[in-house]
PDB file of N, CA and C in Angstrom:
ATOM      1  N   MET A   1      23.113 -21.430   8.977  1.00  0.00           N
ATOM      2  CA  MET A   1      22.129 -20.769   8.859  1.00  0.00           C
ATOM      3  C   MET A   1      21.225 -21.003   7.081  1.00  0.00           C
ATOM      4  N   GLN A   2      20.286 -20.702   6.764  1.00  0.00           N
ATOM      5  CA  GLN A   2      20.301 -20.507   5.015  1.00  0.00           C
ATOM      6  C   GLN A   2      19.470 -19.163   5.020  1.00  0.00           C
ATOM      7  N   TYR A   3      19.541 -18.982   3.721  1.00  0.00           N
ATOM      8  CA  TYR A   3      19.519 -17.381   3.267  1.00  0.00           C
ATOM      9  C   TYR A   3      17.945 -17.174   3.119  1.00  0.00           C
ATOM     10  N   ALA A   4      17.614 -16.823   3.090  1.00  0.00           N
ATOM     11  CA  ALA A   4      16.590 -16.166   2.469  1.00  0.00           C
ATOM     12  C   ALA A   4      15.601 -16.806   0.693  1.00  0.00           C
ATOM     13  N   ALA A   5      16.876 -16.601   0.417  1.00  0.00           N
ATOM     14  CA  ALA A   5      16.358 -17.010  -1.469  1.00  0.00           C
ATOM     15  C   ALA A   5      16.299 -18.655  -1.268  1.00  0.00           C
ATOM     16  N   ALA A   6      17.169 -19.146   0.016  1.00  0.00           N
ATOM     17  CA  ALA A   6      17.104 -20.432  -0.377  1.00  0.00           C
ATOM     18  C   ALA A   6      15.982 -21.285   0.443  1.00  0.00           C
ATOM     19  N   ARG A   7      15.357 -20.687   1.145  1.00  0.00           N
ATOM     20  CA  ARG A   7      14.538 -20.673   2.034  1.00  0.00           C
ATOM     21  C   ARG A   7      13.248 -20.751   1.325  1.00  0.00           C
ATOM     22  N   GLY A   8      13.098 -19.817   0.666  1.00  0.00           N
ATOM     23  CA  GLY A   8      12.543 -19.555  -0.830  1.00  0.00           C
ATOM     24  C   GLY A   8      11.319 -17.942   0.009  1.00  0.00           C
ATOM     25  N   GLU A   9      11.636 -17.055   0.595  1.00  0.00           N
ATOM     26  CA  GLU A   9      11.976 -15.846   1.260  1.00  0.00           C
ATOM     27  C   GLU A   9      11.892 -14.625   0.309  1.00  0.00           C
ATOM     28  N   VAL A  10      11.403 -13.885   0.144  1.00  0.00           N
ATOM     29  CA  VAL A  10      11.816 -12.767  -0.657  1.00  0.00           C
ATOM     30  C   VAL A  10      12.819 -12.158   0.211  1.00  0.00           C
ATOM     31  N   TRP A  11      14.026 -11.989  -0.748  1.00  0.00           N
ATOM     32  CA  TRP A  11      14.829 -11.235  -0.374  1.00  0.00           C
ATOM     33  C   TRP A  11      15.619  -9.874  -1.560  1.00  0.00           C
ATOM     34  N   LYS A  12      14.844  -9.545  -2.302  1.00  0.00           N
ATOM     35  CA  LYS A  12      14.760  -8.293  -3.445  1.00  0.00           C
ATOM     36  C   LYS A  12      14.584  -7.661  -2.839  1.00  0.00           C
ATOM     37  N   TYR A  13      14.599  -6.497  -2.585  1.00  0.00           N
ATOM     38  CA  TYR A  13      13.480  -5.094  -2.433  1.00  0.00           C
ATOM     39  C   TYR A  13      14.163  -4.195  -2.707  1.00  0.00           C
ATOM     40  N   TYR A  14      12.979  -3.706  -3.431  1.00  0.00           N
ATOM     41  CA  TYR A  14      13.502  -1.808  -4.562  1.00  0.00           C
ATOM     42  C   TYR A  14      13.016  -1.106  -3.765  1.00  0.00           C
ATOM     43  N   ASP A  15      13.996  -0.193  -3.398  1.00  0.00           N
ATOM     44  CA  ASP A  15      13.205   0.814  -2.644  1.00  0.00           C
ATOM     45  C   ASP A  15      12.637   1.683  -3.501  1.00  0.00           C
ATOM     46  N   LEU A  16      10.858   2.099  -3.045  1.00  0.00           N
ATOM     47  CA  LEU A  16      10.107   2.824  -3.930  1.00  0.00           C
ATOM     48  C   LEU A  16      10.024   4.140  -3.349  1.00  0.00           C
ATOM     49  N   GLY A  17      10.664   4.547  -1.798  1.00  0.00           N
ATOM     50  CA  GLY A  17      10.594   5.616  -1.373  1.00  0.00           C
ATOM     51  C   GLY A  17       9.707   6.027  -0.299  1.00  0.00           C
ATOM     52  N   HIS A  18       8.833   5.318  -0.991  1.00  0.00           N
ATOM     53  CA  HIS A  18       7.382   4.959   0.642  1.00  0.00           C
ATOM     54  C   HIS A  18       7.165   3.420   0.408  1.00  0.00           C
ATOM     55  N   GLY A  19       7.186   3.068   0.284  1.00  0.00           N
ATOM     56  CA  GLY A  19       7.836   1.743   0.435  1.00  0.00           C
ATOM     57  C   GLY A  19       8.342   0.332  -0.294  1.00  0.00           C
ATOM     58  N   PHE A  20       8.359  -0.873  -0.233  1.00  0.00           N
ATOM     59  CA  PHE A  20       9.064  -1.871  -1.228  1.00  0.00           C
ATOM     60  C   PHE A  20       8.718  -2.385  -2.103  1.00  0.00           C
ATOM     61  N   CYS A  21       9.148  -3.113  -3.329  1.00  0.00           N
ATOM     62  CA  CYS A  21       8.405  -3.656  -4.179  1.00  0.00           C
ATOM     63  C   CYS A  21       9.514  -5.167  -4.018  1.00  0.00           C
ATOM     64  N   THR A  22       8.902  -6.467  -3.811  1.00  0.00           N
ATOM     65  CA  THR A  22       9.947  -7.104  -3.589  1.00  0.00           C
ATOM     66  C   THR A  22       9.540  -8.513  -4.888  1.00  0.00           C
ATOM     67  N   ASN A  23       9.276  -7.036  -5.994  1.00  0.00           N
ATOM     68  CA  ASN A  23       9.189  -8.811  -7.381  1.00  0.00           C
ATOM     69  C   ASN A  23      10.330  -8.197  -8.422  1.00  0.00           C
ATOM     70  N   ASP A  24      10.791  -9.805  -8.272  1.00  0.00           N
ATOM     71  CA  ASP A  24      12.520  -9.946  -9.153  1.00  0.00           C
ATOM     72  C   ASP A  24      11.649  -9.071 -10.821  1.00  0.00           C
ATOM     73  N   PHE A  25      10.560  -8.591 -11.261  1.00  0.00           N
ATOM     74  CA  PHE A  25      10.963  -7.504 -12.630  1.00  0.00           C
ATOM     75  C   PHE A  25      10.701  -6.592 -12.520  1.00  0.00           C
ATOM     76  N   TRP A  26      10.493  -5.648 -11.203  1.00  0.00           N
ATOM     77  CA  TRP A  26      10.639  -4.504 -11.199  1.00  0.00           C
ATOM     78  C   TRP A  26      10.461  -4.060 -12.609  1.00  0.00           C
ATOM     79  N   ALA A  27      11.502  -3.902 -12.633  1.00  0.00           N
ATOM     80  CA  ALA A  27      11.796  -3.184 -13.819  1.00  0.00           C
ATOM     81  C   ALA A  27      10.922  -3.036 -15.086  1.00  0.00           C
ATOM     82  N   HIS A  28      10.365  -4.102 -15.289  1.00  0.00           N
ATOM     83  CA  HIS A  28       9.580  -4.521 -16.415  1.00  0.00           C
ATOM     84  C   HIS A  28       8.329  -4.713 -15.918  1.00  0.00           C
ATOM     85  N   CYS A  29       7.593  -4.283 -14.976  1.00  0.00           N
ATOM     86  CA  CYS A  29       6.618  -4.490 -14.223  1.00  0.00           C
ATOM     87  C   CYS A  29       5.360  -3.611 -15.373  1.00  0.00           C
ATOM     88  N   ASN A  30       3.423  -3.921 -15.512  1.00  0.00           N
ATOM     89  CA  ASN A  30       2.937  -2.628 -15.919  1.00  0.00           C
ATOM     90  C   ASN A  30       1.856  -2.100 -15.542  1.00  0.00           C
ATOM     91  N   HIS A  31       2.576  -2.484 -13.956  1.00  0.00           N
ATOM     92  CA  HIS A  31       1.200  -2.125 -12.917  1.00  0.00           C
ATOM     93  C   HIS A  31       2.066  -1.061 -11.590  1.00  0.00           C
ATOM     94  N   ARG A  32       3.989  -0.964 -12.243  1.00  0.00           N
ATOM     95  CA  ARG A  32       4.171   0.235 -11.307  1.00  0.00           C
ATOM     96  C   ARG A  32       3.745   1.455 -10.860  1.00  0.00           C
ATOM     97  N   MET A  33       2.727   1.767 -11.531  1.00  0.00           N
ATOM     98  CA  MET A  33       2.244   3.246 -10.409  1.00  0.00           C
ATOM     99  C   MET A  33       1.153   3.000  -9.881  1.00  0.00           C
ATOM    100  N   ALA A  34       0.530   1.589  -9.676  1.00  0.00           N
ATOM    101  CA  ALA A  34      -0.505   0.898  -8.691  1.00  0.00           C
ATOM    102  C   ALA A  34       0.024   0.143  -7.920  1.00  0.00           C
ATOM    103  N   CYS A  35       1.407   0.346  -6.903  1.00  0.00           N
ATOM    104  CA  CYS A  35       1.920  -0.700  -6.211  1.00  0.00           C
ATOM    105  C   CYS A  35       1.559  -0.764  -5.320  1.00  0.00           C
ATOM    106  N   ALA A  36       0.772   0.312  -4.466  1.00  0.00           N
ATOM    107  CA  ALA A  36      -0.396  -0.051  -3.082  1.00  0.00           C
ATOM    108  C   ALA A  36      -1.051  -1.402  -3.461  1.00  0.00           C
ATOM    109  N   ARG A  37      -1.549  -1.530  -4.459  1.00  0.00           N
ATOM    110  CA  ARG A  37      -2.584  -2.375  -4.726  1.00  0.00           C
ATOM    111  C   ARG A  37      -1.773  -4.035  -5.003  1.00  0.00           C
ATOM    112  N   CYS A  38      -0.504  -3.700  -5.396  1.00  0.00           N
ATOM    113  CA  CYS A  38       0.217  -5.367  -5.879  1.00  0.00           C
ATOM    114  C   CYS A  38       0.184  -5.509  -4.879  1.00  0.00           C
ATOM    115  N   PRO A  39       0.648  -7.519  -4.778  1.00  0.00           N
ATOM    116  CA  PRO A  39       0.956  -7.857  -3.673  1.00  0.00           C
ATOM    117  C   PRO A  39       2.419  -8.096  -3.285  1.00  0.00           C
ATOM    118  N   PHE A  40       2.635  -7.458  -4.374  1.00  0.00           N
ATOM    119  CA  PHE A  40       4.766  -7.412  -4.158  1.00  0.00           C
ATOM    120  C   PHE A  40       4.835  -6.355  -2.778  1.00  0.00           C
ATOM    121  N   TYR A  41       3.870  -5.292  -2.953  1.00  0.00           N
ATOM    122  CA  TYR A  41       4.042  -3.960  -2.520  1.00  0.00           C
ATOM    123  C   TYR A  41       4.095  -4.282  -0.680  1.00  0.00           C
ATOM    124  N   ARG A  42       5.568  -4.000  -0.257  1.00  0.00           N
ATOM    125  CA  ARG A  42       6.261  -3.885   1.058  1.00  0.00           C
ATOM    126  C   ARG A  42       5.540  -2.340   1.808  1.00  0.00           C
ATOM    127  N   PRO A  43       5.316  -1.724   2.741  1.00  0.00           N
ATOM    128  CA  PRO A  43       4.781  -0.880   2.629  1.00  0.00           C
ATOM    129  C   PRO A  43       6.486  -0.532   3.794  1.00  0.00           C
ATOM    130  N   LYS A  44       6.838   0.966   4.035  1.00  0.00           N
ATOM    131  CA  LYS A  44       8.064   1.200   4.547  1.00  0.00           C
ATOM    132  C   LYS A  44       7.362   1.603   6.177  1.00  0.00           C
ATOM    133  N   ASN A  45       8.179   0.923   7.312  1.00  0.00           N
ATOM    134  CA  ASN A  45       6.858   1.449   8.737  1.00  0.00           C
ATOM    135  C   ASN A  45       6.981   2.821   8.961  1.00  0.00           C
ATOM    136  N   ALA A  46       7.702   3.571   8.616  1.00  0.00           N
ATOM    137  CA  ALA A  46       7.777   5.447   8.660  1.00  0.00           C
ATOM    138  C   ALA A  46       6.745   5.470   8.064  1.00  0.00           C
ATOM    139  N   THR A  47       5.666   4.480   7.719  1.00  0.00           N
ATOM    140  CA  THR A  47       4.404   4.971   6.533  1.00  0.00           C
ATOM    141  C   THR A  47       3.614   4.923   7.278  1.00  0.00           C
ATOM    142  N   MET A  48       3.621   4.439   8.195  1.00  0.00           N
ATOM    143  CA  MET A  48       2.538   3.891   9.357  1.00  0.00           C
ATOM    144  C   MET A  48       1.766   5.116   9.748  1.00  0.00           C
ATOM    145  N   ASP A  49       2.170   6.323  10.269  1.00  0.00           N
ATOM    146  CA  ASP A  49       1.272   7.433  10.593  1.00  0.00           C
ATOM    147  C   ASP A  49       0.359   8.211   9.572  1.00  0.00           C
ATOM    148  N   GLN A  50       1.452   7.983   8.221  1.00  0.00           N
ATOM    149  CA  GLN A  50       0.939   8.888   7.657  1.00  0.00           C
ATOM    150  C   GLN A  50      -0.394   8.017   6.692  1.00  0.00           C
ATOM    151  N   LEU A  51      -0.350   6.496   6.729  1.00  0.00           N
ATOM    152  CA  LEU A  51      -1.569   6.197   5.826  1.00  0.00           C
ATOM    153  C   LEU A  51      -2.855   6.247   7.352  1.00  0.00           C
ATOM    154  N   ILE A  52      -1.788   5.682   8.553  1.00  0.00           N
ATOM    155  CA  ILE A  52      -4.020   6.580   9.605  1.00  0.00           C
ATOM    156  C   ILE A  52      -4.153   7.535   9.509  1.00  0.00           C
ATOM    157  N   GLU A  53      -3.116   8.592   9.214  1.00  0.00           N
ATOM    158  CA  GLU A  53      -3.809  10.133   8.501  1.00  0.00           C
ATOM    159  C   GLU A  53      -4.439  10.663   7.380  1.00  0.00           C
ATOM    160  N   GLY A  54      -4.001   9.582   6.267  1.00  0.00           N
ATOM    161  CA  GLY A  54      -5.027   9.477   5.319  1.00  0.00           C
ATOM    162  C   GLY A  54      -6.065   8.446   5.362  1.00  0.00           C
ATOM    163  N   LYS A  55      -6.525   7.901   5.972  1.00  0.00           N
ATOM    164  CA  LYS A  55      -7.859   6.966   6.330  1.00  0.00           C
ATOM    165  C   LYS A  55      -8.231   7.694   6.770  1.00  0.00           C
ATOM    166  N   ALA A  56      -7.819   8.492   8.210  1.00  0.00           N
ATOM    167  CA  ALA A  56      -9.099   9.486   9.030  1.00  0.00           C
ATOM    168  C   ALA A  56      -9.353  10.797   8.075  1.00  0.00           C
ATOM    169  N   ASN A  57      -8.423  11.011   7.122  1.00  0.00           N
ATOM    170  CA  ASN A  57      -9.056  12.158   5.955  1.00  0.00           C
ATOM    171  C   ASN A  57     -10.037  11.740   5.089  1.00  0.00           C
ATOM    172  N   LEU A  58     -10.230  10.720   4.642  1.00  0.00           N
ATOM    173  CA  LEU A  58     -10.871  10.219   4.014  1.00  0.00           C
ATOM    174  C   LEU A  58     -12.292   9.968   4.308  1.00  0.00           C
ATOM    175  N   VAL A  59     -12.358   8.694   5.885  1.00  0.00           N
ATOM    176  CA  VAL A  59     -13.437   8.868   6.516  1.00  0.00           C
ATOM    177  C   VAL A  59     -13.803  10.509   6.740  1.00  0.00           C
ATOM    178  N   ARG A  60     -13.318  11.556   7.166  1.00  0.00           N
ATOM    179  CA  ARG A  60     -13.699  13.043   7.506  1.00  0.00           C
ATOM    180  C   ARG A  60     -14.411  13.487   6.656  1.00  0.00           C
ATOM    181  N   MET A  61     -13.773  12.969   5.035  1.00  0.00           N
ATOM    182  CA  MET A  61     -14.358  14.084   4.311  1.00  0.00           C
ATOM    183  C   MET A  61     -15.954  13.325   3.600  1.00  0.00           C
ATOM    184  N   LEU A  62     -15.703  11.194   4.047  1.00  0.00           N
ATOM    185  CA  LEU A  62     -17.294  10.975   3.655  1.00  0.00           C
ATOM    186  C   LEU A  62     -18.350  11.712   4.585  1.00  0.00           C
ATOM    187  N   GLU A  63     -18.148  12.036   5.687  1.00  0.00           N
ATOM    188  CA  GLU A  63     -18.780  12.611   6.363  1.00  0.00           C
ATOM    189  C   GLU A  63     -19.543  13.629   6.154  1.00  0.00           C
ATOM    190  N   PHE A  64     -18.719  14.467   5.824  1.00  0.00           N
ATOM    191  CA  PHE A  64     -18.937  16.362   5.942  1.00  0.00           C
ATOM    192  C   PHE A  64     -18.557  17.024   4.337  1.00  0.00           C
ATOM    193  N   VAL A  65     -18.550  15.767   3.500  1.00  0.00           N
ATOM    194  CA  VAL A  65     -18.596  16.838   2.186  1.00  0.00           C
ATOM    195  C   VAL A  65     -19.144  15.952   1.464  1.00  0.00           C
ATOM    196  N   LYS A  66     -20.316  17.129   0.418  1.00  0.00           N
ATOM    197  CA  LYS A  66     -20.740  16.592  -0.248  1.00  0.00           C
ATOM    198  C   LYS A  66     -20.798  15.432  -1.529  1.00  0.00           C
ATOM    199  N   LEU A  67     -20.250  14.254  -2.160  1.00  0.00           N
ATOM    200  CA  LEU A  67     -19.782  13.926  -3.144  1.00  0.00           C
ATOM    201  C   LEU A  67     -20.847  13.537  -3.036  1.00  0.00           C
ATOM    202  N   THR A  68     -19.995  13.384  -5.159  1.00  0.00           N
ATOM    203  CA  THR A  68     -21.218  12.364  -6.035  1.00  0.00           C
ATOM    204  C   THR A  68     -21.456  10.812  -5.380  1.00  0.00           C
ATOM    205  N   GLU A  69     -21.998   9.919  -5.945  1.00  0.00           N
ATOM    206  CA  GLU A  69     -22.018   8.571  -6.166  1.00  0.00           C
ATOM    207  C   GLU A  69     -20.562   7.949  -6.456  1.00  0.00           C
ATOM    208  N   ASP A  70     -19.558   8.835  -7.936  1.00  0.00           N
ATOM    209  CA  ASP A  70     -18.965   8.329  -8.087  1.00  0.00           C
ATOM    210  C   ASP A  70     -17.439   8.931  -7.206  1.00  0.00           C
ATOM    211  N   GLU A  71     -17.594  10.043  -6.669  1.00  0.00           N
ATOM    212  CA  GLU A  71     -16.604  10.033  -5.406  1.00  0.00           C
ATOM    213  C   GLU A  71     -16.843   9.552  -4.483  1.00  0.00           C
ATOM    214  N   GLN A  72     -17.774   9.232  -3.815  1.00  0.00           N
ATOM    215  CA  GLN A  72     -17.935   7.935  -2.652  1.00  0.00           C
ATOM    216  C   GLN A  72     -17.808   7.018  -2.484  1.00  0.00           C
ATOM    217  N   LEU A  73     -17.716   6.033  -4.058  1.00  0.00           N
ATOM    218  CA  LEU A  73     -17.329   5.132  -4.403  1.00  0.00           C
ATOM    219  C   LEU A  73     -15.529   4.714  -4.779  1.00  0.00           C
ATOM    220  N   LEU A  74     -15.141   5.828  -4.954  1.00  0.00           N
ATOM    221  CA  LEU A  74     -13.893   6.413  -4.331  1.00  0.00           C
ATOM    222  C   LEU A  74     -12.576   6.466  -3.375  1.00  0.00           C
ATOM    223  N   VAL A  75     -13.344   7.092  -2.888  1.00  0.00           N
ATOM    224  CA  VAL A  75     -12.893   7.588  -1.413  1.00  0.00           C
ATOM    225  C   VAL A  75     -13.524   6.455  -0.640  1.00  0.00           C
ATOM    226  N   THR A  76     -14.584   5.049  -0.920  1.00  0.00           N
ATOM    227  CA  THR A  76     -14.480   3.912   0.001  1.00  0.00           C
ATOM    228  C   THR A  76     -13.243   3.155  -0.787  1.00  0.00           C
ATOM    229  N   GLU A  77     -13.558   3.315  -1.593  1.00  0.00           N
ATOM    230  CA  GLU A  77     -12.161   2.029  -1.679  1.00  0.00           C
ATOM    231  C   GLU A  77     -10.973   3.287  -1.166  1.00  0.00           C
ATOM    232  N   GLY A  78     -10.075   4.595  -1.532  1.00  0.00           N
ATOM    233  CA  GLY A  78      -9.120   4.593  -0.790  1.00  0.00           C
ATOM    234  C   GLY A  78      -9.377   4.253   0.649  1.00  0.00           C
ATOM    235  N   ILE A  79      -9.850   4.224   1.455  1.00  0.00           N
ATOM    236  CA  ILE A  79     -10.045   3.642   2.579  1.00  0.00           C
ATOM    237  C   ILE A  79      -9.754   2.560   3.338  1.00  0.00           C
ATOM    238  N   ALA A  80     -10.606   1.645   2.101  1.00  0.00           N
ATOM    239  CA  ALA A  80     -10.002   0.121   2.083  1.00  0.00           C
ATOM    240  C   ALA A  80      -8.377  -0.122   1.751  1.00  0.00           C
ATOM    241  N   LEU A  81      -8.099   0.827   1.288  1.00  0.00           N
ATOM    242  CA  LEU A  81      -6.442   0.420   0.827  1.00  0.00           C
ATOM    243  C   LEU A  81      -5.637   0.775   1.654  1.00  0.00           C
ATOM    244  N   HIS A  82      -5.769   1.709   2.786  1.00  0.00           N
ATOM    245  CA  HIS A  82      -5.751   2.186   3.531  1.00  0.00           C
ATOM    246  C   HIS A  82      -5.623   0.970   4.318  1.00  0.00           C
ATOM    247  N   GLN A  83      -6.467   0.871   5.337  1.00  0.00           N
ATOM    248  CA  GLN A  83      -6.796   0.118   5.705  1.00  0.00           C
ATOM    249  C   GLN A  83      -5.742  -1.443   6.051  1.00  0.00           C
ATOM    250  N   GLU A  84      -5.732  -2.273   4.904  1.00  0.00           N
ATOM    251  CA  GLU A  84      -5.113  -3.048   3.984  1.00  0.00           C
ATOM    252  C   GLU A  84      -4.251  -2.713   4.096  1.00  0.00           C
ATOM    253  N   LEU A  85      -3.511  -1.595   3.955  1.00  0.00           N
ATOM    254  CA  LEU A  85      -1.767  -1.022   3.757  1.00  0.00           C
ATOM    255  C   LEU A  85      -1.213  -0.807   5.344  1.00  0.00           C
ATOM    256  N   ILE A  86      -2.362  -0.345   6.232  1.00  0.00           N
ATOM    257  CA  ILE A  86      -2.042  -0.692   7.763  1.00  0.00           C
ATOM    258  C   ILE A  86      -1.748  -2.206   8.499  1.00  0.00           C
ATOM    259  N   GLU A  87      -2.642  -2.739   7.955  1.00  0.00           N
ATOM    260  CA  GLU A  87      -3.210  -4.986   8.175  1.00  0.00           C
ATOM    261  C   GLU A  87      -1.405  -4.639   7.619  1.00  0.00           C
ATOM    262  N   LYS A  88      -0.920  -4.826   6.794  1.00  0.00           N
ATOM    263  CA  LYS A  88       0.633  -5.257   6.268  1.00  0.00           C
ATOM    264  C   LYS A  88       1.473  -4.874   6.974  1.00  0.00           C
ATOM    265  N   LEU A  89       1.190  -3.658   7.463  1.00  0.00           N
ATOM    266  CA  LEU A  89       2.229  -3.347   8.217  1.00  0.00           C
ATOM    267  C   LEU A  89       2.387  -4.256  10.077  1.00  0.00           C
ATOM    268  N   ALA A  90       1.646  -4.276  10.169  1.00  0.00           N
ATOM    269  CA  ALA A  90       0.571  -4.578  11.667  1.00  0.00           C
ATOM    270  C   ALA A  90       1.878  -6.409  11.448  1.00  0.00           C
ATOM    271  N   MET A  91       1.328  -6.888  10.592  1.00  0.00           N
ATOM    272  CA  MET A  91       2.132  -8.219  10.386  1.00  0.00           C
ATOM    273  C   MET A  91       3.587  -8.463  11.116  1.00  0.00           C
TER     274      MET A  91
END
């Protein structure tokens, strides 16, 4: 049986609390504070309920709260990011 590294697969995970970073150079990453947008980010399975709830709250905000155009854009981006992470977990 081959090990993940020998197969060219991810083998090293840095625990971020809410997910894992698979970047070997995590300690020197300039983008550590934007992990959820990074291709090296893997959300934890336990995060799924929080992502679904967070997305629902953002959708509700769009429907019921008067927002400026900039605020609407940020909320819409947040919804898309939540959906992207939900889809990552579904894989």
